[in-house]
Amino acid sequence: MKKTIIDDGFYSELVETAQFAGIHEIPILECPENIIIPSGLIPYSQINKTKDHSEFIHFYEHDIKFRDIITSTGKYYSKIKEFAGVISPDCSLYRDMPLVLQFANTYMNRAVGYYLQHNGIYTIPNVRWGDERSFTNEYCGEKVAFLGIPKNSIVSIGTYGCIKSREDRYFFKAGLAAMLEELTPQVVLVYGSMPESVFGNYSKYTTFYRFPDWISQKRKKVT
C-alpha cells in the first residue's frame, strides 16, 4: 500500500533540525545573508518544460499541482536545486477553512521551505493568510500566518485569485497591513496584480517587486 503524508507523521523528517516559533511550533526559516531579487518566476508545474534555470520556482497555483513537493519533498529536491531559488509553497488558506487547517497549511509552507533552505536552496518565504484569525493575536494569542518568517528581510505574497471581490480585497488588505507591521520586510515580491486601491498606502513601508501571473505572461508572449 502506498504511504501517505499521514503515515509519515506529516513528513516530520523535514524539520528534524529546525527551531520552532510560538506555541503552535511553526518551523523557523533562517534570514538569508543577502537579499536576491529573482530575474523571473516559474510555476512548479512548468519546471520540466524549460531549459532556463535562472528563474525562481513558485507555487502560486492549485495545491494539487504541487502535491508531490509536499508529500515527497526529498524526491524532488534535486530538480528544484537546478534553479536559482524557490519561494516556499503557497498552501491554501481559505477564510472558511477551520482554523486548525489554516495552521496545518502554514506549518507545511514553513516545513518544506525549511527543508529546501537547509539543503542549500535559496528560499524566499511565502506569506499567506486566511481570515483575521490567522493574522491577528485575538483568537489564539499569536499571529500564526507570520510565525517562522525572518523580520527585516524578503518575503513573497500572491494576489492572483485573492482580490476578486470587495470582501477578498478587504481581508487581503488587512492581512497585508498586519504583515508589514509584524515582519517589516525590506522587500516584498508580489505575484499577480498590484492595484493601487490595495497597495497604494504601503509603498512607503517597503519595496515591492511585481511579477505578472503565468497566464498573463503567456498571453503577452503570444500577442
C-alpha atoms as a PDB file:
ATOM      1  CA  MET A   1       0.000   0.000   0.000  1.00  0.00           C
ATOM      2  CA  LYS A   2       1.290   3.420  -0.922  1.00  0.00           C
ATOM      3  CA  LYS A   3       2.322   5.532   2.058  1.00  0.00           C
ATOM      4  CA  THR A   4       0.747   8.930   2.606  1.00  0.00           C
ATOM      5  CA  ILE A   5       1.890  12.068   4.360  1.00  0.00           C
ATOM      6  CA  ILE A   6      -0.180  10.967   7.365  1.00  0.00           C
ATOM      7  CA  ASP A   7       1.694   7.644   7.558  1.00  0.00           C
ATOM      8  CA  ASP A   8       4.938   9.612   7.860  1.00  0.00           C
ATOM      9  CA  GLY A   9       3.704  11.865  10.647  1.00  0.00           C
ATOM     10  CA  PHE A  10       3.225  14.744   8.209  1.00  0.00           C
ATOM     11  CA  TYR A  11       6.772  14.184   6.978  1.00  0.00           C
ATOM     12  CA  SER A  12       8.385  15.075  10.302  1.00  0.00           C
ATOM     13  CA  GLU A  13      11.916  14.455   8.969  1.00  0.00           C
ATOM     14  CA  LEU A  14      11.639  17.752   7.090  1.00  0.00           C
ATOM     15  CA  VAL A  15      12.110  19.611  10.364  1.00  0.00           C
ATOM     16  CA  GLU A  16      14.419  17.308  12.324  1.00  0.00           C
ATOM     17  CA  THR A  17      16.988  20.082  12.777  1.00  0.00           C
ATOM     18  CA  ALA A  18      14.606  23.042  12.793  1.00  0.00           C
ATOM     19  CA  GLN A  19      13.876  25.569  15.505  1.00  0.00           C
ATOM     20  CA  PHE A  20      10.228  26.419  16.113  1.00  0.00           C
ATOM     21  CA  ALA A  21       8.216  29.577  16.797  1.00  0.00           C
ATOM     22  CA  GLY A  22       5.195  30.057  19.012  1.00  0.00           C
ATOM     23  CA  ILE A  23       3.015  27.714  20.971  1.00  0.00           C
ATOM     24  CA  HIS A  24       1.989  26.051  17.705  1.00  0.00           C
ATOM     25  CA  GLU A  25       5.649  25.299  16.884  1.00  0.00           C
ATOM     26  CA  ILE A  26       5.864  26.580  13.335  1.00  0.00           C
ATOM     27  CA  PRO A  27       9.304  25.861  11.776  1.00  0.00           C
ATOM     28  CA  ILE A  28      11.596  28.880  11.546  1.00  0.00           C
ATOM     29  CA  LEU A  29      13.284  29.849   8.276  1.00  0.00           C
ATOM     30  CA  GLU A  30      16.670  31.495   8.524  1.00  0.00           C
ATOM     31  CA  CYS A  31      17.302  35.043   7.391  1.00  0.00           C
ATOM     32  CA  PRO A  32      19.350  34.988   4.156  1.00  0.00           C
ATOM     33  CA  GLU A  33      22.756  36.631   4.180  1.00  0.00           C
ATOM     34  CA  ASN A  34      21.871  38.590   1.044  1.00  0.00           C
ATOM     35  CA  ILE A  35      18.574  39.639  -0.474  1.00  0.00           C
ATOM     36  CA  ILE A  36      18.280  38.264  -4.003  1.00  0.00           C
ATOM     37  CA  ILE A  37      15.573  39.523  -6.358  1.00  0.00           C
ATOM     38  CA  PRO A  38      14.520  36.812  -8.830  1.00  0.00           C
ATOM     39  CA  SER A  39      15.019  37.530 -12.511  1.00  0.00           C
ATOM     40  CA  GLY A  40      11.692  35.795 -13.079  1.00  0.00           C
ATOM     41  CA  LEU A  41       9.274  33.268 -11.595  1.00  0.00           C
ATOM     42  CA  ILE A  42       8.160  29.934 -12.988  1.00  0.00           C
ATOM     43  CA  PRO A  43       5.335  27.718 -11.658  1.00  0.00           C
ATOM     44  CA  TYR A  44       6.376  24.405 -10.164  1.00  0.00           C
ATOM     45  CA  SER A  45       4.132  22.611 -12.670  1.00  0.00           C
ATOM     46  CA  GLN A  46       6.220  24.016 -15.559  1.00  0.00           C
ATOM     47  CA  ILE A  47       9.756  23.252 -14.399  1.00  0.00           C
ATOM     48  CA  ASN A  48      10.122  20.171 -16.589  1.00  0.00           C
ATOM     49  CA  LYS A  49       9.218  22.207 -19.670  1.00  0.00           C
ATOM     50  CA  THR A  50      12.087  24.687 -19.587  1.00  0.00           C
ATOM     51  CA  LYS A  51      15.838  24.646 -20.027  1.00  0.00           C
ATOM     52  CA  ASP A  52      16.205  28.099 -18.482  1.00  0.00           C
ATOM     53  CA  HIS A  53      17.002  27.602 -14.802  1.00  0.00           C
ATOM     54  CA  SER A  54      17.726  31.244 -13.992  1.00  0.00           C
ATOM     55  CA  GLU A  55      14.258  31.807 -12.550  1.00  0.00           C
ATOM     56  CA  PHE A  56      12.862  31.089  -9.089  1.00  0.00           C
ATOM     57  CA  ILE A  57      10.249  28.367  -8.693  1.00  0.00           C
ATOM     58  CA  HIS A  58       6.910  29.399  -7.188  1.00  0.00           C
ATOM     59  CA  PHE A  59       3.794  27.539  -6.072  1.00  0.00           C
ATOM     60  CA  TYR A  60       1.086  30.108  -6.804  1.00  0.00           C
ATOM     61  CA  GLU A  61      -1.191  27.566  -8.440  1.00  0.00           C
ATOM     62  CA  HIS A  62      -3.739  24.958  -7.372  1.00  0.00           C
ATOM     63  CA  ASP A  63      -2.427  22.876  -4.499  1.00  0.00           C
ATOM     64  CA  ILE A  64      -2.875  19.624  -6.414  1.00  0.00           C
ATOM     65  CA  LYS A  65      -0.255  20.789  -8.928  1.00  0.00           C
ATOM     66  CA  PHE A  66       2.445  20.798  -6.245  1.00  0.00           C
ATOM     67  CA  ARG A  67       1.190  17.946  -4.103  1.00  0.00           C
ATOM     68  CA  ASP A  68       4.357  15.960  -4.851  1.00  0.00           C
ATOM     69  CA  ILE A  69       6.652  18.538  -3.276  1.00  0.00           C
ATOM     70  CA  ILE A  70       4.561  18.443  -0.103  1.00  0.00           C
ATOM     71  CA  THR A  71       4.344  14.662   0.180  1.00  0.00           C
ATOM     72  CA  SER A  72       7.762  13.683  -1.221  1.00  0.00           C
ATOM     73  CA  THR A  73       9.978  16.736  -0.822  1.00  0.00           C
ATOM     74  CA  GLY A  74      13.265  14.836  -0.781  1.00  0.00           C
ATOM     75  CA  LYS A  75      12.444  13.060  -4.025  1.00  0.00           C
ATOM     76  CA  TYR A  76      12.095  16.344  -5.945  1.00  0.00           C
ATOM     77  CA  TYR A  77      14.770  18.326  -4.149  1.00  0.00           C
ATOM     78  CA  SER A  78      17.479  17.727  -6.775  1.00  0.00           C
ATOM     79  CA  LYS A  79      15.266  19.082  -9.566  1.00  0.00           C
ATOM     80  CA  ILE A  80      14.437  22.222  -7.602  1.00  0.00           C
ATOM     81  CA  LYS A  81      18.113  22.782  -6.850  1.00  0.00           C
ATOM     82  CA  GLU A  82      18.776  23.209 -10.581  1.00  0.00           C
ATOM     83  CA  PHE A  83      17.011  26.584 -10.396  1.00  0.00           C
ATOM     84  CA  ALA A  84      18.217  29.877  -8.945  1.00  0.00           C
ATOM     85  CA  GLY A  85      15.927  29.628  -5.950  1.00  0.00           C
ATOM     86  CA  VAL A  86      12.443  28.870  -4.713  1.00  0.00           C
ATOM     87  CA  ILE A  87       9.526  30.520  -2.943  1.00  0.00           C
ATOM     88  CA  SER A  88       8.130  28.325  -0.186  1.00  0.00           C
ATOM     89  CA  PRO A  89       4.854  26.533  -1.029  1.00  0.00           C
ATOM     90  CA  ASP A  90       1.649  28.524  -1.218  1.00  0.00           C
ATOM     91  CA  CYS A  91      -0.562  26.053   0.631  1.00  0.00           C
ATOM     92  CA  SER A  92      -4.123  27.347   0.515  1.00  0.00           C
ATOM     93  CA  LEU A  93      -5.574  29.296   3.442  1.00  0.00           C
ATOM     94  CA  TYR A  94      -9.232  29.862   2.686  1.00  0.00           C
ATOM     95  CA  ARG A  95     -11.222  32.084   5.012  1.00  0.00           C
ATOM     96  CA  ASP A  96     -13.871  29.410   5.536  1.00  0.00           C
ATOM     97  CA  MET A  97     -11.251  26.799   6.487  1.00  0.00           C
ATOM     98  CA  PRO A  98     -11.325  25.508  10.056  1.00  0.00           C
ATOM     99  CA  LEU A  99      -8.590  27.309  11.944  1.00  0.00           C
ATOM    100  CA  VAL A 100      -6.646  24.122  12.577  1.00  0.00           C
ATOM    101  CA  LEU A 101      -6.323  23.585   8.811  1.00  0.00           C
ATOM    102  CA  GLN A 102      -5.075  27.135   8.349  1.00  0.00           C
ATOM    103  CA  PHE A 103      -2.412  26.319  10.941  1.00  0.00           C
ATOM    104  CA  ALA A 104      -1.595  22.984   9.282  1.00  0.00           C
ATOM    105  CA  ASN A 105      -1.068  24.580   5.862  1.00  0.00           C
ATOM    106  CA  THR A 106       1.064  27.318   7.397  1.00  0.00           C
ATOM    107  CA  TYR A 107       3.137  24.595   9.037  1.00  0.00           C
ATOM    108  CA  MET A 108       3.662  22.749   5.729  1.00  0.00           C
ATOM    109  CA  ASN A 109       4.641  26.007   3.996  1.00  0.00           C
ATOM    110  CA  ARG A 110       7.419  26.508   6.540  1.00  0.00           C
ATOM    111  CA  ALA A 111       8.393  22.840   6.868  1.00  0.00           C
ATOM    112  CA  VAL A 112       9.048  22.402   3.150  1.00  0.00           C
ATOM    113  CA  GLY A 113      10.653  25.843   2.969  1.00  0.00           C
ATOM    114  CA  TYR A 114      12.944  24.990   5.868  1.00  0.00           C
ATOM    115  CA  TYR A 115      13.974  21.679   4.307  1.00  0.00           C
ATOM    116  CA  LEU A 116      14.831  23.283   0.974  1.00  0.00           C
ATOM    117  CA  GLN A 117      16.715  26.116   2.658  1.00  0.00           C
ATOM    118  CA  HIS A 118      18.564  23.767   4.999  1.00  0.00           C
ATOM    119  CA  ASN A 119      19.721  21.780   1.972  1.00  0.00           C
ATOM    120  CA  GLY A 120      21.292  24.742   0.226  1.00  0.00           C
ATOM    121  CA  ILE A 121      18.499  26.207  -1.889  1.00  0.00           C
ATOM    122  CA  TYR A 122      17.916  29.959  -1.689  1.00  0.00           C
ATOM    123  CA  THR A 123      14.406  30.081  -0.270  1.00  0.00           C
ATOM    124  CA  ILE A 124      12.127  33.109  -0.053  1.00  0.00           C
ATOM    125  CA  PRO A 125       9.306  32.706   2.490  1.00  0.00           C
ATOM    126  CA  ASN A 126       5.824  32.859   1.069  1.00  0.00           C
ATOM    127  CA  VAL A 127       3.349  34.621   3.353  1.00  0.00           C
ATOM    128  CA  ARG A 128      -0.274  33.569   3.114  1.00  0.00           C
ATOM    129  CA  TRP A 129      -3.091  34.482   5.464  1.00  0.00           C
ATOM    130  CA  GLY A 130      -6.731  33.449   5.647  1.00  0.00           C
ATOM    131  CA  ASP A 131      -9.279  35.292   7.767  1.00  0.00           C
ATOM    132  CA  GLU A 132      -8.417  37.571  10.672  1.00  0.00           C
ATOM    133  CA  ARG A 133      -7.848  34.587  12.973  1.00  0.00           C
ATOM    134  CA  SER A 134      -4.633  33.811  11.099  1.00  0.00           C
ATOM    135  CA  PHE A 135      -3.127  37.316  11.148  1.00  0.00           C
ATOM    136  CA  THR A 136      -4.203  38.760  14.498  1.00  0.00           C
ATOM    137  CA  ASN A 137      -3.460  37.508  18.004  1.00  0.00           C
ATOM    138  CA  GLU A 138      -7.025  37.988  19.189  1.00  0.00           C
ATOM    139  CA  TYR A 139      -8.086  34.369  18.718  1.00  0.00           C
ATOM    140  CA  CYS A 140      -5.127  32.173  19.635  1.00  0.00           C
ATOM    141  CA  GLY A 141      -2.644  34.551  21.225  1.00  0.00           C
ATOM    142  CA  GLU A 142      -0.291  34.795  18.231  1.00  0.00           C
ATOM    143  CA  LYS A 143      -0.269  35.752  14.560  1.00  0.00           C
ATOM    144  CA  VAL A 144       0.258  32.279  13.137  1.00  0.00           C
ATOM    145  CA  ALA A 145       0.410  33.401   9.494  1.00  0.00           C
ATOM    146  CA  PHE A 146       3.680  35.212  10.218  1.00  0.00           C
ATOM    147  CA  LEU A 147       5.396  32.751  12.543  1.00  0.00           C
ATOM    148  CA  GLY A 148       8.748  31.354  11.440  1.00  0.00           C
ATOM    149  CA  ILE A 149       9.477  34.125   8.923  1.00  0.00           C
ATOM    150  CA  PRO A 150      12.561  36.330   9.410  1.00  0.00           C
ATOM    151  CA  LYS A 151      11.938  40.002  10.017  1.00  0.00           C
ATOM    152  CA  ASN A 152      13.562  42.862   8.075  1.00  0.00           C
ATOM    153  CA  SER A 153      14.293  40.632   5.088  1.00  0.00           C
ATOM    154  CA  ILE A 154      12.491  39.422   1.949  1.00  0.00           C
ATOM    155  CA  VAL A 155       9.099  37.755   1.591  1.00  0.00           C
ATOM    156  CA  SER A 156       6.718  36.903  -1.226  1.00  0.00           C
ATOM    157  CA  ILE A 157       2.943  37.167  -1.490  1.00  0.00           C
ATOM    158  CA  GLY A 158       0.439  36.268  -4.175  1.00  0.00           C
ATOM    159  CA  THR A 159      -2.614  38.235  -5.252  1.00  0.00           C
ATOM    160  CA  TYR A 160      -3.692  36.017  -8.149  1.00  0.00           C
ATOM    161  CA  GLY A 161      -7.265  34.941  -7.399  1.00  0.00           C
ATOM    162  CA  CYS A 162      -7.166  36.611  -3.967  1.00  0.00           C
ATOM    163  CA  ILE A 163      -8.542  40.097  -4.622  1.00  0.00           C
ATOM    164  CA  LYS A 164     -11.503  39.490  -6.923  1.00  0.00           C
ATOM    165  CA  SER A 165     -14.364  40.624  -4.700  1.00  0.00           C
ATOM    166  CA  ARG A 166     -14.741  43.524  -2.295  1.00  0.00           C
ATOM    167  CA  GLU A 167     -14.604  41.086   0.613  1.00  0.00           C
ATOM    168  CA  ASP A 168     -11.462  39.445  -0.807  1.00  0.00           C
ATOM    169  CA  ARG A 169      -9.774  42.822  -1.078  1.00  0.00           C
ATOM    170  CA  TYR A 170     -10.783  43.777   2.457  1.00  0.00           C
ATOM    171  CA  PHE A 171      -9.196  40.695   4.016  1.00  0.00           C
ATOM    172  CA  PHE A 172      -6.165  40.820   1.746  1.00  0.00           C
ATOM    173  CA  LYS A 173      -5.505  44.458   2.580  1.00  0.00           C
ATOM    174  CA  ALA A 174      -5.986  43.865   6.307  1.00  0.00           C
ATOM    175  CA  GLY A 175      -3.563  40.941   6.211  1.00  0.00           C
ATOM    176  CA  LEU A 176      -1.068  42.924   4.164  1.00  0.00           C
ATOM    177  CA  ALA A 177      -1.076  45.743   6.705  1.00  0.00           C
ATOM    178  CA  ALA A 178      -0.625  43.265   9.554  1.00  0.00           C
ATOM    179  CA  MET A 179       2.223  41.522   7.718  1.00  0.00           C
ATOM    180  CA  LEU A 180       4.112  44.746   7.025  1.00  0.00           C
ATOM    181  CA  GLU A 181       3.774  45.788  10.657  1.00  0.00           C
ATOM    182  CA  GLU A 182       4.798  42.400  12.057  1.00  0.00           C
ATOM    183  CA  LEU A 183       7.644  41.453   9.693  1.00  0.00           C
ATOM    184  CA  THR A 184       8.849  44.889   8.483  1.00  0.00           C
ATOM    185  CA  PRO A 185      10.247  43.334   5.283  1.00  0.00           C
ATOM    186  CA  GLN A 186      12.799  45.224   3.217  1.00  0.00           C
ATOM    187  CA  VAL A 187      11.460  43.608   0.027  1.00  0.00           C
ATOM    188  CA  VAL A 188       8.092  42.118  -0.880  1.00  0.00           C
ATOM    189  CA  LEU A 189       7.660  40.146  -4.092  1.00  0.00           C
ATOM    190  CA  VAL A 190       4.114  40.275  -5.456  1.00  0.00           C
ATOM    191  CA  TYR A 191       2.882  37.553  -7.797  1.00  0.00           C
ATOM    192  CA  GLY A 192      -0.114  38.871  -9.694  1.00  0.00           C
ATOM    193  CA  SER A 193      -1.717  42.281  -9.949  1.00  0.00           C
ATOM    194  CA  MET A 194      -0.907  45.223  -7.657  1.00  0.00           C
ATOM    195  CA  PRO A 195      -3.928  47.545  -7.718  1.00  0.00           C
ATOM    196  CA  GLU A 196      -3.414  50.991  -6.258  1.00  0.00           C
ATOM    197  CA  SER A 197      -6.558  50.560  -4.163  1.00  0.00           C
ATOM    198  CA  VAL A 198      -4.874  47.731  -2.259  1.00  0.00           C
ATOM    199  CA  PHE A 199      -1.176  48.620  -2.286  1.00  0.00           C
ATOM    200  CA  GLY A 200      -1.188  52.393  -2.651  1.00  0.00           C
ATOM    201  CA  ASN A 201      -0.822  53.226   1.028  1.00  0.00           C
ATOM    202  CA  TYR A 202       2.012  50.791   1.681  1.00  0.00           C
ATOM    203  CA  SER A 203       4.761  51.658  -0.812  1.00  0.00           C
ATOM    204  CA  LYS A 204       6.455  53.852   1.799  1.00  0.00           C
ATOM    205  CA  TYR A 205       6.923  50.898   4.145  1.00  0.00           C
ATOM    206  CA  THR A 206       8.824  48.528   1.857  1.00  0.00           C
ATOM    207  CA  THR A 207       9.994  47.933  -1.722  1.00  0.00           C
ATOM    208  CA  PHE A 208       7.573  45.930  -3.860  1.00  0.00           C
ATOM    209  CA  TYR A 209       8.609  43.913  -6.912  1.00  0.00           C
ATOM    210  CA  ARG A 210       5.712  42.778  -9.055  1.00  0.00           C
ATOM    211  CA  PHE A 211       5.766  39.635 -11.184  1.00  0.00           C
ATOM    212  CA  PRO A 212       2.861  39.022 -13.597  1.00  0.00           C
ATOM    213  CA  ASP A 213       0.964  35.768 -13.214  1.00  0.00           C
ATOM    214  CA  TRP A 214       1.898  32.926 -15.536  1.00  0.00           C
ATOM    215  CA  ILE A 215      -1.223  33.135 -17.706  1.00  0.00           C
ATOM    216  CA  SER A 216      -0.724  36.850 -18.325  1.00  0.00           C
ATOM    217  CA  GLN A 217       2.914  36.193 -19.218  1.00  0.00           C
ATOM    218  CA  LYS A 218       1.914  33.584 -21.790  1.00  0.00           C
ATOM    219  CA  ARG A 219      -0.763  35.806 -23.323  1.00  0.00           C
ATOM    220  CA  LYS A 220       1.735  38.660 -23.632  1.00  0.00           C
ATOM    221  CA  LYS A 221       4.227  36.440 -25.420  1.00  0.00           C
ATOM    222  CA  VAL A 222       1.555  35.237 -27.861  1.00  0.00           C
ATOM    223  CA  THR A 223       0.457  38.775 -28.712  1.00  0.00           C
END
